[in-house]
N, C-alpha and C. Protein backbone atom coordinates (compact mmCIF):
# COMPACT_ATOMS: atom_id res chain seq x y z
N MET A 1 95.39 58.31 -9.62
CA MET A 1 95.16 57.94 -8.25
C MET A 1 94.76 56.21 -8.96
N LYS A 2 95.47 55.81 -7.87
CA LYS A 2 95.06 53.67 -7.90
C LYS A 2 93.85 53.30 -7.07
N ARG A 3 93.13 52.62 -7.87
CA ARG A 3 91.71 52.00 -6.95
C ARG A 3 91.99 50.88 -6.43
N PRO A 4 92.22 50.85 -5.08
CA PRO A 4 92.01 49.59 -4.46
C PRO A 4 90.89 48.72 -4.16
N ALA A 5 90.13 48.98 -4.67
CA ALA A 5 88.85 48.19 -4.60
C ALA A 5 89.04 46.88 -5.58
N PRO A 6 89.51 47.07 -7.02
CA PRO A 6 89.74 45.67 -7.93
C PRO A 6 90.87 44.97 -7.27
N MET A 7 91.79 45.61 -6.52
CA MET A 7 93.07 44.67 -6.07
C MET A 7 92.21 43.93 -4.91
N LEU A 8 91.64 44.47 -4.04
CA LEU A 8 90.79 44.07 -2.68
C LEU A 8 89.81 42.74 -3.57
N LEU A 9 89.15 43.18 -4.38
CA LEU A 9 88.33 42.17 -4.93
C LEU A 9 88.89 40.75 -5.12
N ALA A 10 90.37 41.09 -6.18
CA ALA A 10 91.06 40.03 -6.63
C ALA A 10 91.21 39.22 -5.58
N ALA A 11 91.94 39.98 -4.61
CA ALA A 11 92.71 39.02 -3.29
C ALA A 11 91.12 38.51 -2.65
N LEU A 12 90.05 38.96 -2.28
CA LEU A 12 88.95 38.03 -1.48
C LEU A 12 88.80 36.92 -2.48
N LEU A 13 88.43 37.04 -4.21
CA LEU A 13 88.20 36.26 -4.65
C LEU A 13 89.24 35.04 -4.67
N ALA A 14 90.80 35.22 -4.37
CA ALA A 14 91.69 34.46 -4.35
C ALA A 14 91.78 33.24 -3.05
N LEU A 15 90.94 33.95 -1.62
CA LEU A 15 91.43 33.79 -0.67
C LEU A 15 90.71 31.85 -0.47
N PRO A 16 89.52 31.78 -1.36
CA PRO A 16 89.02 30.39 -1.31
C PRO A 16 90.07 29.06 -1.78
N LEU A 17 91.00 29.86 -2.51
CA LEU A 17 91.81 29.15 -3.50
C LEU A 17 93.01 28.79 -2.32
N LEU A 18 93.61 29.94 -1.89
CA LEU A 18 94.51 29.66 -0.88
C LEU A 18 93.97 28.73 0.26
N ALA A 19 93.10 28.95 0.93
CA ALA A 19 92.41 27.86 2.12
C ALA A 19 92.81 26.74 1.56
N ASP A 20 92.46 26.01 0.51
CA ASP A 20 92.95 24.40 -0.23
C ASP A 20 94.02 24.45 0.01
N ASP A 21 95.02 25.27 0.04
CA ASP A 21 96.52 24.64 0.32
C ASP A 21 96.98 25.33 1.67
N ALA A 22 95.89 25.69 2.58
CA ALA A 22 96.79 26.24 3.84
C ALA A 22 97.08 24.90 4.87
N ALA A 23 98.51 25.43 5.54
CA ALA A 23 98.81 24.65 6.33
C ALA A 23 97.95 24.01 7.08
N PRO A 24 97.62 22.69 7.31
CA PRO A 24 96.60 22.02 8.69
C PRO A 24 97.58 22.59 9.84
N LYS A 25 96.52 22.61 10.64
CA LYS A 25 97.00 22.64 12.52
C LYS A 25 97.17 21.79 13.06
N THR A 26 97.92 20.72 12.46
CA THR A 26 98.29 19.11 13.01
C THR A 26 99.45 19.18 13.53
N TYR A 27 99.82 17.87 14.47
CA TYR A 27 100.61 17.47 14.91
C TYR A 27 101.58 17.27 14.00
N ALA A 28 101.22 16.92 12.61
CA ALA A 28 102.44 16.26 11.76
C ALA A 28 103.21 17.45 11.26
N GLN A 29 101.94 18.76 10.87
CA GLN A 29 102.56 19.96 10.37
C GLN A 29 103.68 20.72 11.71
N LYS A 30 103.39 20.78 12.58
CA LYS A 30 103.98 21.25 13.51
C LYS A 30 105.53 20.48 13.26
N LEU A 31 105.73 18.94 13.40
CA LEU A 31 106.89 18.28 13.54
C LEU A 31 107.63 19.35 11.95
N VAL A 32 106.76 19.04 10.81
CA VAL A 32 107.73 19.39 9.65
C VAL A 32 108.28 21.04 10.17
N THR A 33 107.28 21.74 10.44
CA THR A 33 107.59 23.22 10.98
C THR A 33 108.88 23.64 11.68
N GLU A 34 108.83 22.59 12.67
CA GLU A 34 110.01 22.46 13.98
C GLU A 34 111.30 21.90 13.30
N THR A 35 110.65 21.06 12.48
CA THR A 35 111.99 20.40 11.86
C THR A 35 112.88 21.33 10.85
N LEU A 36 112.17 21.86 10.02
CA LEU A 36 112.84 22.94 9.22
C LEU A 36 113.62 23.92 9.92
N ALA A 37 112.94 24.45 10.81
CA ALA A 37 113.51 25.74 11.90
C ALA A 37 115.01 24.97 12.28
N LYS A 38 114.93 23.74 12.67
CA LYS A 38 115.91 23.34 13.13
C LYS A 38 117.31 23.01 12.37
N HIS A 39 116.71 22.50 11.06
CA HIS A 39 117.82 22.27 9.79
C HIS A 39 117.83 23.12 8.69
N HIS A 40 118.65 24.08 8.59
CA HIS A 40 118.74 24.78 7.86
C HIS A 40 118.87 24.28 6.31
N GLU A 41 119.67 23.30 6.27
CA GLU A 41 119.94 22.65 5.12
C GLU A 41 118.84 21.66 4.24
N LEU A 42 117.92 21.59 5.20
CA LEU A 42 116.84 21.34 4.20
C LEU A 42 115.69 22.45 3.84
N ILE A 43 115.66 21.99 2.40
CA ILE A 43 114.74 23.16 1.96
C ILE A 43 113.41 22.37 1.94
N ILE A 44 113.20 21.49 1.60
CA ILE A 44 111.87 21.31 1.63
C ILE A 44 111.31 19.61 2.42
N LEU A 45 110.07 19.36 3.13
CA LEU A 45 109.98 18.38 3.82
C LEU A 45 108.55 18.06 3.80
N VAL A 46 108.15 16.77 3.33
CA VAL A 46 106.82 16.52 3.08
C VAL A 46 106.86 15.27 3.52
N MET A 47 105.16 14.94 4.00
CA MET A 47 105.00 13.62 4.71
C MET A 47 103.75 13.01 4.16
N HIS A 48 104.03 11.69 3.58
CA HIS A 48 102.89 11.30 3.03
C HIS A 48 102.51 10.00 3.48
N VAL A 49 101.15 10.09 4.36
CA VAL A 49 100.49 9.16 5.00
C VAL A 49 99.37 9.09 4.89
N THR A 50 98.67 7.98 4.98
CA THR A 50 97.22 7.65 4.89
C THR A 50 96.26 8.04 5.91
N PRO A 51 95.65 9.02 6.13
CA PRO A 51 94.77 9.54 7.03
C PRO A 51 93.87 8.05 7.61
N PRO A 52 93.44 8.29 8.85
CA PRO A 52 92.31 7.24 9.58
C PRO A 52 91.17 7.40 8.26
N ASN A 53 90.63 6.04 8.63
CA ASN A 53 89.59 5.81 7.76
C ASN A 53 89.42 6.19 5.86
N SER A 54 91.09 6.27 5.58
CA SER A 54 90.90 6.57 4.57
C SER A 54 91.92 5.32 3.96
N SER A 55 91.75 5.28 2.34
CA SER A 55 92.55 3.92 1.66
C SER A 55 93.52 5.22 0.74
N GLU A 56 93.51 6.02 0.56
CA GLU A 56 94.41 6.76 0.02
C GLU A 56 95.70 7.35 0.76
N ASN A 57 96.75 7.25 0.17
CA ASN A 57 97.96 8.03 0.75
C ASN A 57 98.22 9.08 0.25
N VAL A 58 98.31 10.55 1.15
CA VAL A 58 98.44 11.68 0.44
C VAL A 58 99.61 12.85 1.82
N ILE A 59 99.37 13.58 0.91
CA ILE A 59 100.50 14.79 1.71
C ILE A 59 99.51 15.28 2.92
N ILE A 60 100.03 15.10 4.29
CA ILE A 60 99.56 15.34 5.37
C ILE A 60 100.36 17.04 5.70
N ALA A 61 101.47 16.75 5.33
CA ALA A 61 102.43 18.25 6.19
C ALA A 61 103.44 18.22 5.06
N SER A 62 103.58 19.43 5.09
CA SER A 62 104.73 20.14 4.39
C SER A 62 104.83 21.45 4.00
N ASN A 63 106.22 22.05 3.64
CA ASN A 63 106.48 23.38 3.74
C ASN A 63 106.08 24.05 2.18
N ILE A 64 105.45 22.93 1.34
CA ILE A 64 105.41 23.46 -0.17
C ILE A 64 103.58 23.35 -0.82
N GLY A 65 102.78 23.15 0.18
CA GLY A 65 101.44 23.16 0.16
C GLY A 65 101.20 21.54 -0.35
N ARG A 66 100.44 21.59 -1.42
CA ARG A 66 100.11 20.39 -2.01
C ARG A 66 99.17 19.15 -0.85
N PHE A 67 98.70 19.90 0.25
CA PHE A 67 97.95 18.81 1.19
C PHE A 67 96.72 18.06 0.38
N GLY A 68 96.91 16.97 0.79
CA GLY A 68 95.79 16.04 0.04
C GLY A 68 96.43 15.14 -1.36
N LYS A 69 97.26 15.63 -1.62
CA LYS A 69 97.92 15.25 -2.89
C LYS A 69 98.42 13.86 -2.84
N LYS A 70 97.54 13.22 -4.07
CA LYS A 70 97.73 11.59 -3.69
C LYS A 70 99.39 11.12 -3.92
N ALA A 71 99.95 10.14 -3.01
CA ALA A 71 101.09 9.66 -3.20
C ALA A 71 101.53 9.51 -4.90
N ASP A 72 102.39 9.76 -5.47
CA ASP A 72 102.89 8.86 -6.21
C ASP A 72 103.19 7.51 -6.82
N GLU A 73 103.99 7.08 -7.77
CA GLU A 73 104.57 5.87 -7.65
C GLU A 73 105.83 5.33 -6.91
N ASP A 74 106.60 6.38 -7.07
CA ASP A 74 107.67 6.75 -5.91
C ASP A 74 107.44 6.68 -4.58
N ASP A 75 106.40 7.57 -4.09
CA ASP A 75 106.18 7.49 -2.81
C ASP A 75 105.75 6.03 -2.12
N MET A 76 104.73 5.76 -3.10
CA MET A 76 104.43 4.23 -2.71
C MET A 76 105.28 3.02 -2.65
N ARG A 77 106.32 3.20 -3.23
CA ARG A 77 107.56 2.24 -3.57
C ARG A 77 108.20 2.49 -2.41
N VAL A 78 108.55 3.41 -1.96
CA VAL A 78 109.35 3.56 -0.68
C VAL A 78 108.72 3.13 0.71
N ILE A 79 107.20 3.15 0.64
CA ILE A 79 106.42 2.76 1.67
C ILE A 79 106.58 1.43 1.54
N LYS A 80 106.35 0.28 0.57
CA LYS A 80 105.94 -0.55 0.24
C LYS A 80 107.39 -1.33 0.40
N THR A 81 108.44 -0.92 -0.17
CA THR A 81 109.78 -1.72 0.05
C THR A 81 110.51 -1.30 1.03
N GLY A 82 109.94 0.02 1.96
CA GLY A 82 111.13 0.23 3.11
C GLY A 82 112.49 0.67 2.62
N LYS A 83 112.69 0.81 1.36
CA LYS A 83 113.88 1.44 0.74
C LYS A 83 113.94 3.00 0.51
N ASN A 84 114.86 3.39 0.70
CA ASN A 84 115.26 5.26 0.31
C ASN A 84 115.06 5.10 -1.26
N ASN A 85 114.61 6.33 -1.57
CA ASN A 85 114.64 6.86 -3.20
C ASN A 85 115.55 8.24 -3.09
N LEU A 86 116.37 7.94 -3.87
CA LEU A 86 117.40 9.06 -4.12
C LEU A 86 117.37 9.26 -5.52
N GLU A 87 117.31 11.04 -5.51
CA GLU A 87 117.01 11.51 -7.08
C GLU A 87 117.75 12.74 -6.73
N VAL A 88 118.39 13.55 -8.21
CA VAL A 88 118.91 14.61 -8.33
C VAL A 88 117.61 15.05 -9.56
N ASN A 89 117.07 16.29 -9.16
CA ASN A 89 115.99 16.85 -10.19
C ASN A 89 116.65 17.13 -11.84
N GLU A 90 115.46 17.36 -12.43
CA GLU A 90 116.11 17.43 -13.71
C GLU A 90 117.05 18.86 -13.93
N LYS A 91 116.97 19.87 -13.25
CA LYS A 91 117.85 21.13 -13.40
C LYS A 91 119.38 20.81 -12.76
N GLY A 92 119.27 19.58 -11.99
CA GLY A 92 120.52 19.34 -11.29
C GLY A 92 120.86 20.09 -9.97
N ASP A 93 119.66 20.96 -9.67
CA ASP A 93 120.00 21.73 -8.57
C ASP A 93 119.51 21.61 -7.32
N HIS A 94 118.55 20.43 -7.08
CA HIS A 94 118.16 19.85 -5.71
C HIS A 94 118.46 18.10 -5.80
N PHE A 95 118.58 17.53 -4.76
CA PHE A 95 118.54 16.22 -4.49
C PHE A 95 117.90 16.15 -3.31
N GLU A 96 117.11 15.02 -3.71
CA GLU A 96 115.81 14.52 -2.86
C GLU A 96 116.25 13.04 -2.36
N VAL A 97 116.21 13.01 -1.35
CA VAL A 97 116.19 11.54 -0.54
C VAL A 97 114.58 11.40 0.28
N GLU A 98 113.92 10.22 -0.11
CA GLU A 98 112.50 10.15 0.04
C GLU A 98 112.72 8.64 0.77
N LEU A 99 112.29 8.58 2.31
CA LEU A 99 112.62 7.45 2.95
C LEU A 99 111.32 7.13 3.81
N PRO A 100 111.28 5.79 4.12
CA PRO A 100 110.41 5.16 5.10
C PRO A 100 109.90 6.48 6.16
N LEU A 101 108.67 6.52 6.50
CA LEU A 101 108.37 7.46 7.81
C LEU A 101 108.17 6.41 8.53
N LEU A 102 108.75 6.55 9.97
CA LEU A 102 108.54 5.40 10.93
C LEU A 102 108.06 6.03 11.97
N ASP A 103 107.10 5.13 12.83
CA ASP A 103 106.98 5.53 14.27
C ASP A 103 107.89 5.37 15.05
N ALA A 104 107.44 5.45 16.80
CA ALA A 104 108.57 5.25 17.32
C ALA A 104 109.24 3.86 17.74
N SER A 105 107.96 2.83 17.16
CA SER A 105 108.36 1.38 17.27
C SER A 105 109.30 0.93 16.27
N GLY A 106 109.34 1.77 15.43
CA GLY A 106 110.02 1.51 13.62
C GLY A 106 109.14 1.06 12.45
N LYS A 107 107.67 0.96 12.69
CA LYS A 107 107.01 0.68 12.16
C LYS A 107 106.76 1.45 10.89
N ILE A 108 106.57 1.41 9.61
CA ILE A 108 106.64 2.17 8.61
C ILE A 108 105.29 2.74 8.50
N ILE A 109 104.76 4.18 8.64
CA ILE A 109 103.67 4.63 8.36
C ILE A 109 103.35 5.44 7.14
N GLY A 110 104.09 5.81 6.38
CA GLY A 110 104.48 6.78 5.36
C GLY A 110 105.42 6.86 4.69
N ALA A 111 105.85 7.79 3.96
CA ALA A 111 106.75 8.38 3.48
C ALA A 111 107.60 9.66 3.85
N LEU A 112 108.60 9.84 3.94
CA LEU A 112 109.11 11.06 4.13
C LEU A 112 110.02 11.79 2.99
N GLY A 113 109.81 12.70 2.44
CA GLY A 113 110.27 13.60 1.56
C GLY A 113 111.20 14.68 1.93
N THR A 114 112.61 14.49 1.57
CA THR A 114 113.05 15.52 1.98
C THR A 114 114.06 16.44 0.73
N VAL A 115 114.45 17.42 0.80
CA VAL A 115 115.01 17.94 -0.44
C VAL A 115 116.43 18.90 0.07
N TYR A 116 117.26 18.92 -0.59
CA TYR A 116 118.40 19.94 -0.19
C TYR A 116 118.76 20.47 -1.49
N ASN A 117 119.43 21.82 -1.42
CA ASN A 117 120.24 22.02 -2.52
C ASN A 117 121.58 21.24 -2.78
N TYR A 118 121.61 21.28 -4.18
CA TYR A 118 122.63 20.12 -4.61
C TYR A 118 123.67 20.75 -5.79
N LYS A 119 124.92 20.56 -6.11
CA LYS A 119 125.48 21.11 -7.19
C LYS A 119 126.14 19.59 -7.39
N ASN A 120 126.83 19.76 -8.78
CA ASN A 120 127.19 18.28 -9.16
C ASN A 120 128.41 18.06 -8.39
N GLY A 121 128.72 17.05 -7.90
CA GLY A 121 129.70 16.40 -6.73
C GLY A 121 129.54 16.70 -5.46
N ASP A 122 128.54 17.23 -5.23
CA ASP A 122 128.23 16.98 -3.84
C ASP A 122 127.78 15.51 -3.17
N ASP A 123 128.39 15.18 -2.20
CA ASP A 123 128.47 14.03 -1.66
C ASP A 123 126.67 13.48 -1.38
N LYS A 124 126.18 12.89 -2.08
CA LYS A 124 124.83 12.21 -2.05
C LYS A 124 124.60 11.25 -0.96
N THR A 125 125.69 10.58 -0.44
CA THR A 125 125.73 9.79 0.59
C THR A 125 125.48 9.92 1.65
N GLN A 126 126.41 11.68 1.63
CA GLN A 126 126.20 12.05 2.96
C GLN A 126 124.90 12.86 3.17
N LEU A 127 124.38 13.07 2.35
CA LEU A 127 122.76 14.12 2.13
C LEU A 127 121.92 12.88 2.89
N GLU A 128 122.23 11.76 1.97
CA GLU A 128 121.25 10.44 2.55
C GLU A 128 121.39 10.50 4.31
N LYS A 129 122.29 10.16 4.55
CA LYS A 129 122.88 10.01 6.10
C LYS A 129 122.12 11.51 6.57
N VAL A 130 122.11 12.46 6.47
CA VAL A 130 121.44 13.66 6.99
C VAL A 130 120.01 13.32 6.72
N ALA A 131 119.66 13.06 5.86
CA ALA A 131 117.94 12.77 5.77
C ALA A 131 117.65 11.57 7.03
N ILE A 132 118.65 10.59 6.92
CA ILE A 132 118.09 9.46 8.01
C ILE A 132 118.09 9.86 8.93
N ARG A 133 119.17 10.82 9.44
CA ARG A 133 119.21 11.34 10.57
C ARG A 133 117.75 12.15 11.25
N ILE A 134 117.63 13.13 10.11
CA ILE A 134 116.29 14.00 10.40
C ILE A 134 115.23 13.26 10.65
N ARG A 135 114.91 12.09 9.92
CA ARG A 135 113.89 11.21 10.03
C ARG A 135 113.71 10.47 11.35
N ASP A 136 114.90 9.84 11.88
CA ASP A 136 114.72 9.46 12.85
C ASP A 136 114.63 10.08 14.52
N GLU A 137 114.81 11.63 14.12
CA GLU A 137 114.82 12.62 14.78
C GLU A 137 113.05 12.78 14.48
N ILE A 138 112.37 12.79 13.80
CA ILE A 138 111.03 13.05 13.91
C ILE A 138 110.35 11.55 13.97
N ARG A 139 111.11 10.65 13.90
CA ARG A 139 110.37 9.41 14.37
C ARG A 139 110.18 9.08 16.11
N LYS A 140 111.39 9.32 16.76
CA LYS A 140 110.86 9.26 18.00
C LYS A 140 109.82 10.48 18.68
N GLN A 141 109.35 11.31 17.82
CA GLN A 141 108.20 12.08 18.27
C GLN A 141 106.95 11.66 17.83
N ILE A 142 107.01 10.35 16.80
CA ILE A 142 105.72 10.29 17.03
C ILE A 142 105.33 8.58 17.32
N PRO A 143 104.80 8.50 18.40
CA PRO A 143 104.26 7.42 19.26
C PRO A 143 103.68 6.32 18.36
N ILE A 144 102.42 6.77 17.70
CA ILE A 144 101.63 5.99 16.90
C ILE A 144 101.34 6.79 15.36
N LYS A 145 100.79 6.49 14.63
CA LYS A 145 100.51 7.15 13.27
C LYS A 145 99.25 8.48 13.56
N ASP A 146 98.24 7.73 14.36
CA ASP A 146 97.02 8.81 14.55
C ASP A 146 97.82 9.96 15.24
N LYS A 147 98.56 9.84 15.54
CA LYS A 147 99.20 11.04 16.59
C LYS A 147 99.34 12.15 15.54
N LEU A 148 100.08 12.07 14.18
CA LEU A 148 100.18 13.08 13.46
C LEU A 148 98.95 13.75 13.21
N PHE A 149 97.70 13.33 13.09
CA PHE A 149 96.44 13.91 13.02
C PHE A 149 95.71 14.65 14.12
N GLU A 150 96.31 14.43 15.26
CA GLU A 150 95.79 15.58 16.01
C GLU A 150 95.98 16.82 15.89
N THR A 151 95.21 17.69 16.52
CA THR A 151 95.46 19.18 16.45
C THR A 151 96.72 19.30 17.49
N ALA A 152 97.42 20.14 16.86
CA ALA A 152 98.43 20.36 17.45
C ALA A 152 98.50 21.46 18.47
N GLN A 153 99.21 21.34 19.77
CA GLN A 153 98.96 21.91 20.93
C GLN A 153 100.46 23.47 20.54
């Protein structure tokens, strides 16, 4: 007979670890969730934004967790230069387009990481166009940066 108590205890002990990576109930997370539901070609979507009263740019919304993770050099370069970063991962099976996250007025408010399945020979230019179209759909829904941090309705 199996004893569920040790398994239950292990699950309960793991809850605090899971809570740290639980999706925030913010407007930004709502945008990520809705965008992923609408765009099935998109496998990862991440928003890097500097929260109000903070100097650190971090992940504020994603479908892969890592909430609060500091932006890396690539993320910050996209934000500072306004230029997209295109990259095939080491395994060669994913293509990332990271681009400036804009508000409705066109102001850069962070970086948007988009990732797609990829195989050698896929049209990278077309994937970049898809990422721009997705970013522009999101942009229309962000009147100002602070809106991203509001509790989702």
